[in-house]
Amino acid sequence: MRGPSTPLSEVIESFLLAQVNLSPRTLDGYAQNLRAFDRWLGSGRIRDLTPDAVNAYILDRIAVAIARRGGMSLRELLGVAPGWAGGLTDEQYVREIEELADRIGGRP
């Protein structure tokens, strides 16, 4: 059984191996995003997986995406699932992100 000191990377790899019904593209997206979160935590442990850590990571990704926007949409930069933001324009998406940031305690 895994405890609070179990490396998050171990849990991520187990999770990815258990996803047998996903397309390779979806699985690759999960892998990239989960591993990026673990790197952002600095090779985290299960105990580091808190709502505050996830919210801080999301706000950090938003801030980076806004700073680097260039020619890509925010959805592309953040890797957001189309089901949530697929039909939004960038302006609508920015409003959604701002509302989310307000709800979780601050803007990037």
Foldseek 3Di string as FASTA:
>chain_A
DDDQQAFQVVVQVVVLVPPPPDDPVVSVLSSVVSVVLCVVVVRHGNNCPDPVSVLVVLLVQQVVCVVVVPPHASCVSSVDDCVVPVPPDSVVVVVVQVVVQVVVPHHD
